[in-house]
Protein backbone atom coordinates (compact mmCIF):
# COMPACT_ATOMS: atom_id res chain seq x y z
CA MET A 1 0.00 0.00 0.00
CA SER A 2 2.16 2.85 -1.34
CA PHE A 3 1.17 6.32 -0.19
CA HIS A 4 4.53 7.89 -1.05
CA GLN A 5 6.38 9.17 -4.08
CA CYS A 6 8.86 6.85 -5.77
CA GLY A 7 11.87 8.94 -6.78
CA GLY A 8 14.62 10.77 -4.95
CA ASN A 9 15.74 8.00 -2.61
CA VAL A 10 18.36 5.25 -2.75
CA GLY A 11 17.42 2.62 -5.32
CA ASP A 12 14.65 4.66 -6.98
CA VAL A 13 15.03 4.11 -10.72
CA VAL A 14 11.70 5.60 -11.76
CA ASN A 15 9.75 8.67 -10.75
CA ILE A 16 6.14 8.20 -9.67
CA PRO A 17 4.80 11.24 -7.81
CA ILE A 18 1.88 11.24 -5.43
CA PRO A 19 -1.45 11.89 -7.26
CA GLN A 20 -1.86 15.19 -9.08
CA TRP A 21 -5.09 16.03 -7.25
CA VAL A 22 -3.14 15.86 -3.98
CA LEU A 23 -0.37 18.03 -5.44
CA ASP A 24 -3.08 20.49 -6.49
CA VAL A 25 -4.11 20.90 -2.85
CA GLY A 26 -0.45 21.54 -2.05
CA ALA A 27 -0.29 24.28 -4.66
CA THR A 28 -2.61 26.40 -2.51
CA ASP A 29 -1.58 24.97 0.87
CA PRO A 30 2.09 23.91 0.69
CA ASP A 31 2.09 23.15 4.42
CA ILE A 32 0.48 19.78 3.67
CA PHE A 33 4.04 18.66 2.90
CA TYR A 34 6.91 18.00 5.27
CA THR A 35 9.05 21.13 5.69
CA ASN A 36 12.55 21.70 7.04
CA ARG A 37 13.62 24.70 9.12
CA GLY A 38 14.76 26.56 6.02
CA GLY A 39 11.27 26.29 4.53
CA THR A 40 12.11 23.68 1.87
CA ARG A 41 9.14 21.39 1.20
CA ASN A 42 9.37 17.65 0.61
CA ILE A 43 6.61 16.33 -1.64
CA GLU A 44 7.39 12.62 -1.18
CA TYR A 45 4.69 12.17 1.44
CA LEU A 46 2.10 14.24 3.26
CA THR A 47 3.16 15.64 6.63
CA LEU A 48 1.66 13.66 9.47
CA GLY A 49 0.40 17.05 10.64
CA VAL A 50 -2.54 16.62 8.25
CA ASP A 51 -3.42 13.08 9.31
CA ASP A 52 -6.66 14.30 10.89
CA ARG A 53 -7.36 17.45 8.86
CA PRO A 54 -10.10 17.25 6.18
CA LEU A 55 -8.16 19.17 3.55
CA PHE A 56 -8.65 16.76 0.64
CA GLN A 57 -12.16 17.24 -0.72
CA GLY A 58 -13.43 16.81 2.83
CA ARG A 59 -11.26 13.82 3.69
CA THR A 60 -8.31 13.60 6.04
CA ALA A 61 -5.04 11.98 4.98
CA VAL A 62 -5.75 8.91 7.11
CA GLN A 63 -9.22 8.61 5.57
CA MET A 64 -7.65 8.68 2.09
CA TYR A 65 -5.27 5.88 3.02
CA ALA A 66 -8.15 3.87 4.47
CA ASP A 67 -10.27 4.42 1.35
CA TYR A 68 -7.40 3.22 -0.84
CA MET A 69 -7.03 0.03 1.20
CA ALA A 70 -10.79 -0.58 1.18
CA SER A 71 -10.85 -0.21 -2.61
CA PHE A 72 -7.95 -2.66 -2.89
CA ARG A 73 -9.78 -5.21 -0.77
CA GLU A 74 -12.94 -4.85 -2.85
CA ASN A 75 -11.19 -5.08 -6.21
CA MET A 76 -8.81 -7.87 -5.22
CA LYS A 77 -11.40 -9.89 -3.30
CA LYS A 78 -11.00 -13.09 -5.30
CA PHE A 79 -7.23 -13.08 -4.87
CA LEU A 80 -7.51 -12.34 -1.14
CA ASP A 81 -10.17 -15.02 -0.64
CA ALA A 82 -8.10 -17.57 -2.56
CA GLY A 83 -5.00 -16.85 -0.50
CA THR A 84 -3.07 -15.75 -3.58
CA ILE A 85 -2.10 -12.52 -1.82
CA VAL A 86 -0.38 -13.58 1.40
CA ASP A 87 1.33 -10.40 2.59
CA ILE A 88 0.46 -6.70 2.46
CA GLU A 89 3.04 -4.07 3.37
CA VAL A 90 1.46 -0.83 4.55
CA GLY A 91 3.37 2.35 3.72
CA LEU A 92 3.81 4.80 6.59
CA GLY A 93 6.14 7.43 5.18
CA PRO A 94 8.86 8.27 2.63
CA ALA A 95 10.04 5.19 0.71
CA GLY A 96 7.20 3.37 2.48
CA GLU A 97 9.09 3.54 5.79
CA MET A 98 7.79 4.79 9.13
CA ARG A 99 10.12 7.77 9.28
CA TYR A 100 10.45 11.45 8.52
CA PRO A 101 12.11 12.50 5.21
CA SER A 102 15.14 13.69 7.16
CA TYR A 103 17.86 12.87 4.62
CA PRO A 104 16.55 13.42 1.05
CA GLN A 105 19.10 12.92 -1.69
CA SER A 106 16.93 15.10 -3.93
CA GLN A 107 17.68 18.08 -1.66
CA GLY A 108 21.43 17.59 -1.46
CA TRP A 109 21.88 15.23 1.48
CA VAL A 110 24.86 12.88 1.25
CA PHE A 111 25.97 10.13 3.62
CA PRO A 112 26.86 10.46 6.49
CA GLY A 113 25.22 13.84 7.09
CA ILE A 114 23.02 13.91 10.19
CA GLY A 115 19.94 15.10 8.32
CA GLU A 116 17.39 17.55 9.71
CA PHE A 117 14.22 17.68 11.77
CA ILE A 118 11.28 17.93 9.35
CA CYS A 119 8.43 19.41 11.38
CA TYR A 120 8.26 23.05 10.36
CA ASP A 121 5.00 22.99 8.41
CA LYS A 122 2.32 25.08 10.07
CA TYR A 123 0.32 22.05 11.17
CA LEU A 124 3.09 20.27 13.05
CA GLU A 125 4.37 23.56 14.42
CA ALA A 126 0.92 24.36 15.82
CA ASP A 127 0.74 20.85 17.32
CA PHE A 128 4.09 21.32 19.04
CA LYS A 129 3.13 24.74 20.40
CA ALA A 130 -0.10 23.32 21.80
CA ALA A 131 1.78 20.41 23.41
CA ALA A 132 4.38 22.76 24.90
CA ALA A 133 1.69 25.06 26.29
CA LYS A 134 -0.10 22.07 27.83
CA ALA A 135 3.19 21.09 29.47
CA GLY A 136 3.47 24.56 30.98
CA HIS A 137 6.00 25.98 28.53
CA PRO A 138 4.16 28.12 25.95
CA GLU A 139 7.45 29.90 25.24
CA TRP A 140 9.12 26.81 23.76
CA GLU A 141 9.70 26.81 20.01
CA LEU A 142 10.84 24.16 17.56
CA PRO A 143 14.65 23.68 17.50
CA ASP A 144 16.74 26.27 15.67
CA ASP A 145 20.13 24.80 16.53
CA ALA A 146 20.08 21.29 15.06
CA GLY A 147 22.11 22.02 11.94
CA GLU A 148 21.55 21.13 8.30
CA TYR A 149 21.47 17.94 6.22
CA ASN A 150 25.22 17.43 5.87
CA ASP A 151 26.44 18.61 9.27
CA THR A 152 28.12 16.41 11.85
CA PRO A 153 26.70 16.25 15.39
CA GLU A 154 29.52 18.22 16.99
CA LYS A 155 28.92 21.13 14.62
CA THR A 156 25.44 21.67 16.05
CA GLN A 157 24.36 23.13 19.37
CA PHE A 158 21.59 20.54 19.59
CA PHE A 159 23.59 17.33 19.14
CA LYS A 160 27.06 18.24 20.41
CA ASP A 161 28.32 16.85 23.74
CA ASN A 162 26.04 18.16 26.51
CA GLY A 163 23.94 19.83 23.81
CA THR A 164 20.33 20.96 23.70
CA TYR A 165 19.07 17.39 23.36
CA LEU A 166 19.91 16.82 27.05
CA THR A 167 17.93 19.82 28.32
CA GLU A 168 14.33 19.68 29.50
CA LYS A 169 13.21 21.43 26.32
CA GLY A 170 15.31 19.14 24.12
CA LYS A 171 13.99 15.98 25.73
CA PHE A 172 10.42 17.26 25.45
CA PHE A 173 10.85 18.01 21.75
CA LEU A 174 12.41 14.62 20.97
CA SER A 175 9.65 12.82 22.85
CA TRP A 176 6.99 14.80 20.98
CA TYR A 177 8.71 14.27 17.61
CA SER A 178 9.10 10.51 17.97
CA ASN A 179 5.65 9.97 19.48
CA LYS A 180 3.97 11.83 16.61
CA LEU A 181 5.50 9.27 14.26
CA ILE A 182 4.42 6.32 16.40
CA LYS A 183 0.86 7.65 16.61
CA HIS A 184 0.88 8.12 12.83
CA GLY A 185 1.78 4.46 12.39
CA ASP A 186 -0.86 3.39 14.89
CA LYS A 187 -3.62 5.31 13.09
CA ILE A 188 -2.90 3.86 9.66
CA LEU A 189 -2.40 0.32 10.94
CA ASP A 190 -5.67 0.57 12.86
CA GLU A 191 -7.37 1.31 9.54
CA ALA A 192 -5.50 -1.52 7.81
CA ASN A 193 -6.58 -3.97 10.51
CA LYS A 194 -10.22 -2.95 10.04
CA VAL A 195 -10.08 -3.14 6.25
CA PHE A 196 -8.36 -6.52 6.02
CA LEU A 197 -10.14 -8.14 8.96
CA GLY A 198 -10.98 -11.69 8.01
CA CYS A 199 -8.43 -11.87 5.19
CA ARG A 200 -5.74 -14.53 5.29
CA VAL A 201 -2.92 -12.03 4.92
CA GLN A 202 -0.04 -10.87 7.05
CA LEU A 203 0.29 -7.10 7.48
CA ALA A 204 3.82 -5.73 7.42
CA ILE A 205 5.50 -2.34 7.73
CA LYS A 206 8.97 -0.98 6.98
CA ILE A 207 10.92 0.72 9.75
CA SER A 208 14.24 2.29 8.80
CA GLY A 209 17.24 0.95 10.70
CA ILE A 210 19.50 2.77 13.12
CA HIS A 211 21.83 4.71 10.88
CA TRP A 212 24.99 6.62 11.76
CA TRP A 213 26.48 8.92 14.39
CA TYR A 214 25.78 6.73 17.39
CA ARG A 215 27.22 7.70 20.78
CA VAL A 216 27.55 6.05 24.17
CA PRO A 217 26.27 6.60 26.85
CA ASN A 218 24.15 9.49 25.60
CA HIS A 219 22.85 8.89 22.08
CA ALA A 220 22.84 12.01 19.93
């Protein structure tokens, strides 16, 4: 179940964008796409900030994904009933993986750059501000010291030894950032479980592995 663009990542040999009618919504509301701190949009996948916002002819992003899966079940019923289809992988992000598009080759990232936080669209920013206010810190903003795609950890205030990531604000942001992704996966898999209930298929997801710049005992 591919809800992402093919093109711009390792191993992509063709370019298949997300549907034009979704791109058309982005033409008037570019914040439906993941955005880095510099304002560069990534059109591989919709920001999880619009998971529950009815911006697509009255549907939310999660509802669109659910409708796609329901249509697949209906149209492939004979193959599902016969057990011909035995495994369905559910896409949860760029390249089908449950991750943020933090290191896009199409925007100049090269290994082993640390990548960037990708949560600066207006929807995720508003979500963070609301969460920070609820936690008693309405003054907290999204990080402005975490560097750019091809930096190393020690060149950033956020990831350097004893950096921002160890502060109360840094820990709060990282918890919020990772939990938004987990909740995104939960929502879509909940829909997949409902749609394929009763089918003799295994549901699978892709989670990107631990990559580079790993420290002990504190993990930047």
